[in-house]
């Protein structure tokens, strides 16, 4: 499941209106009265909006052909080299913004919207420890756990 953080103004407005509609509906005499549109619209928006966003994100991830290709990452003291069948890109560490890591993924951000995404299970433990120590040495802001996933 995806962790979704709602930061866009329209999302905040829709959630606020939905919450207000639900609160107004709760003060109504009859909650099951289908004429109480604001109550039901509030619940529908509050539940439907996040579900539709998750479905849209999943479909976007599945439609990106890049995820089907093999990508090779080379980590050095100078930066990262990313190689695919058709291209090769070198990036210096000075171009990176921050890092993030959870149990399954290692993300190295170039900016707020773009990151190198590495599935931890796709690298061996020795390479993971080298990458972890390198990122710690570079002192990029962010969260690094240093935990390699158990088999």
Protein backbone atom coordinates (compact mmCIF):
# COMPACT_ATOMS: atom_id res chain seq x y z
CA UNK A 1 0.00 0.00 0.00
CA UNK A 2 1.20 3.51 -0.69
CA UNK A 3 1.64 6.17 1.92
CA UNK A 4 -0.09 9.25 0.60
CA UNK A 5 0.49 12.70 1.98
CA UNK A 6 -2.05 15.25 0.83
CA UNK A 7 -0.29 18.58 0.33
CA UNK A 8 -2.02 20.07 -2.70
CA UNK A 9 -4.43 22.92 -1.88
CA UNK A 10 -7.33 21.35 -3.81
CA UNK A 11 -6.96 18.12 -1.84
CA UNK A 12 -6.96 20.00 1.44
CA UNK A 13 -10.06 21.98 0.39
CA UNK A 14 -11.94 18.82 -0.68
CA UNK A 15 -11.09 17.06 2.59
CA UNK A 16 -12.08 20.13 4.64
CA UNK A 17 -15.41 20.48 2.82
CA UNK A 18 -16.06 16.77 3.23
CA UNK A 19 -15.32 16.92 6.94
CA UNK A 20 -17.60 19.95 7.37
CA UNK A 21 -20.37 18.19 5.46
CA UNK A 22 -20.05 15.16 7.71
CA UNK A 23 -20.13 17.33 10.85
CA UNK A 24 -23.20 19.14 9.55
CA UNK A 25 -24.82 15.78 8.85
CA UNK A 26 -24.07 14.57 12.36
CA UNK A 27 -25.97 17.52 13.81
CA UNK A 28 -28.96 16.61 11.68
CA UNK A 29 -31.99 14.90 13.22
CA UNK A 30 -31.92 11.98 10.82
CA UNK A 31 -28.61 10.57 9.62
CA UNK A 32 -30.21 7.99 7.37
CA UNK A 33 -32.39 10.55 5.64
CA UNK A 34 -31.23 10.44 2.03
CA UNK A 35 -32.36 14.05 1.64
CA UNK A 36 -29.41 14.96 3.83
CA UNK A 37 -27.14 15.30 0.79
CA UNK A 38 -24.29 17.13 2.45
CA UNK A 39 -23.73 14.28 4.89
CA UNK A 40 -23.58 11.62 2.18
CA UNK A 41 -21.53 13.75 -0.22
CA UNK A 42 -19.03 14.35 2.56
CA UNK A 43 -18.62 10.64 3.25
CA UNK A 44 -18.39 9.77 -0.43
CA UNK A 45 -15.70 12.40 -1.07
CA UNK A 46 -13.78 11.54 2.08
CA UNK A 47 -13.62 7.84 1.20
CA UNK A 48 -13.67 7.91 -2.58
CA UNK A 49 -11.02 10.58 -3.16
CA UNK A 50 -8.09 8.75 -1.46
CA UNK A 51 -9.13 5.41 -2.99
CA UNK A 52 -9.20 6.90 -6.49
CA UNK A 53 -5.77 8.46 -5.92
CA UNK A 54 -4.27 5.10 -4.89
CA UNK A 55 -5.82 3.40 -7.94
CA UNK A 56 -4.44 6.13 -10.20
CA UNK A 57 -0.95 5.87 -8.70
CA UNK A 58 -0.95 2.08 -9.11
CA UNK A 59 -2.01 2.34 -12.75
CA UNK A 60 0.67 4.97 -13.44
CA UNK A 61 3.39 2.79 -11.90
CA UNK A 62 2.25 -0.22 -13.94
CA UNK A 63 2.19 1.78 -17.17
CA UNK A 64 5.77 3.09 -16.87
CA UNK A 65 7.92 0.92 -19.13
CA UNK A 66 11.11 1.93 -17.33
CA UNK A 67 10.21 -0.36 -14.44
CA UNK A 68 10.35 -3.34 -16.80
CA UNK A 69 13.96 -2.67 -17.85
CA UNK A 70 17.04 -3.72 -15.98
CA UNK A 71 18.90 -0.79 -14.45
CA UNK A 72 22.47 -0.97 -13.18
CA UNK A 73 23.63 1.49 -10.52
CA UNK A 74 27.32 2.14 -9.85
CA UNK A 75 28.08 4.00 -6.62
CA UNK A 76 31.45 5.75 -6.22
CA UNK A 77 32.93 8.49 -4.06
CA UNK A 78 32.21 10.94 -6.90
CA UNK A 79 28.56 10.05 -7.58
CA UNK A 80 26.16 7.58 -9.15
CA UNK A 81 26.22 6.16 -12.65
CA UNK A 82 22.91 4.73 -13.86
CA UNK A 83 23.03 2.45 -16.90
CA UNK A 84 20.24 0.88 -18.93
CA UNK A 85 20.28 -0.93 -22.27
CA UNK A 86 19.98 2.35 -24.13
CA UNK A 87 21.52 5.04 -21.94
CA UNK A 88 24.01 5.94 -19.25
CA UNK A 89 23.84 8.91 -16.87
CA UNK A 90 26.45 10.08 -14.36
CA UNK A 91 25.47 12.35 -11.48
CA UNK A 92 27.79 13.96 -8.93
CA UNK A 93 26.81 13.82 -5.26
CA UNK A 94 26.54 17.61 -5.25
CA UNK A 95 23.39 17.21 -7.40
CA UNK A 96 21.52 15.21 -4.75
CA UNK A 97 19.10 16.67 -2.25
CA UNK A 98 18.36 14.01 0.38
CA UNK A 99 17.84 10.31 1.06
CA UNK A 100 15.04 8.15 2.41
CA UNK A 101 14.92 4.50 3.34
CA UNK A 102 12.28 2.10 4.60
CA UNK A 103 12.18 -1.68 4.89
CA UNK A 104 11.86 -2.24 1.13
CA UNK A 105 13.20 0.81 -0.69
CA UNK A 106 16.17 3.16 -0.80
CA UNK A 107 15.44 6.55 -2.39
CA UNK A 108 18.11 9.08 -3.29
CA UNK A 109 16.45 12.36 -4.22
CA UNK A 110 17.73 14.70 -6.91
CA UNK A 111 14.97 17.20 -6.00
CA UNK A 112 11.54 17.10 -4.33
CA UNK A 113 9.90 15.26 -7.22
CA UNK A 114 12.68 13.11 -8.67
CA UNK A 115 14.61 10.28 -7.05
CA UNK A 116 16.63 7.20 -7.82
CA UNK A 117 14.49 4.38 -6.45
CA UNK A 118 16.30 1.18 -5.51
CA UNK A 119 14.58 -1.95 -4.26
CA UNK A 120 16.75 -3.20 -1.41
CA UNK A 121 16.10 -6.87 -2.23
CA UNK A 122 17.68 -6.34 -5.68
CA UNK A 123 21.12 -5.66 -4.17
CA UNK A 124 23.21 -7.99 -2.03
CA UNK A 125 24.00 -7.23 1.59
CA UNK A 126 27.65 -6.28 1.00
CA UNK A 127 26.72 -3.77 -1.71
CA UNK A 128 23.94 -2.40 0.48
CA UNK A 129 26.35 -1.82 3.38
CA UNK A 130 28.80 -0.05 1.04
CA UNK A 131 26.02 2.22 -0.26
CA UNK A 132 24.75 2.89 3.27
CA UNK A 133 28.24 3.82 4.54
CA UNK A 134 28.85 6.00 1.48
CA UNK A 135 25.58 7.89 1.96
CA UNK A 136 26.28 8.34 5.68
CA UNK A 137 29.75 9.67 4.87
CA UNK A 138 28.27 12.17 2.40
CA UNK A 139 25.95 13.39 5.16
CA UNK A 140 22.95 13.97 2.88
CA UNK A 141 19.85 14.96 4.86
CA UNK A 142 17.16 12.34 5.28
CA UNK A 143 16.38 9.06 6.91
CA UNK A 144 18.69 6.05 6.59
CA UNK A 145 18.02 2.96 8.72
CA UNK A 146 20.99 0.79 7.78
CA UNK A 147 18.77 -2.31 7.93
CA UNK A 148 19.13 -4.82 5.13
CA UNK A 149 15.90 -6.75 4.55
CA UNK A 150 15.79 -10.25 6.03
CA UNK A 151 15.50 -13.06 3.47
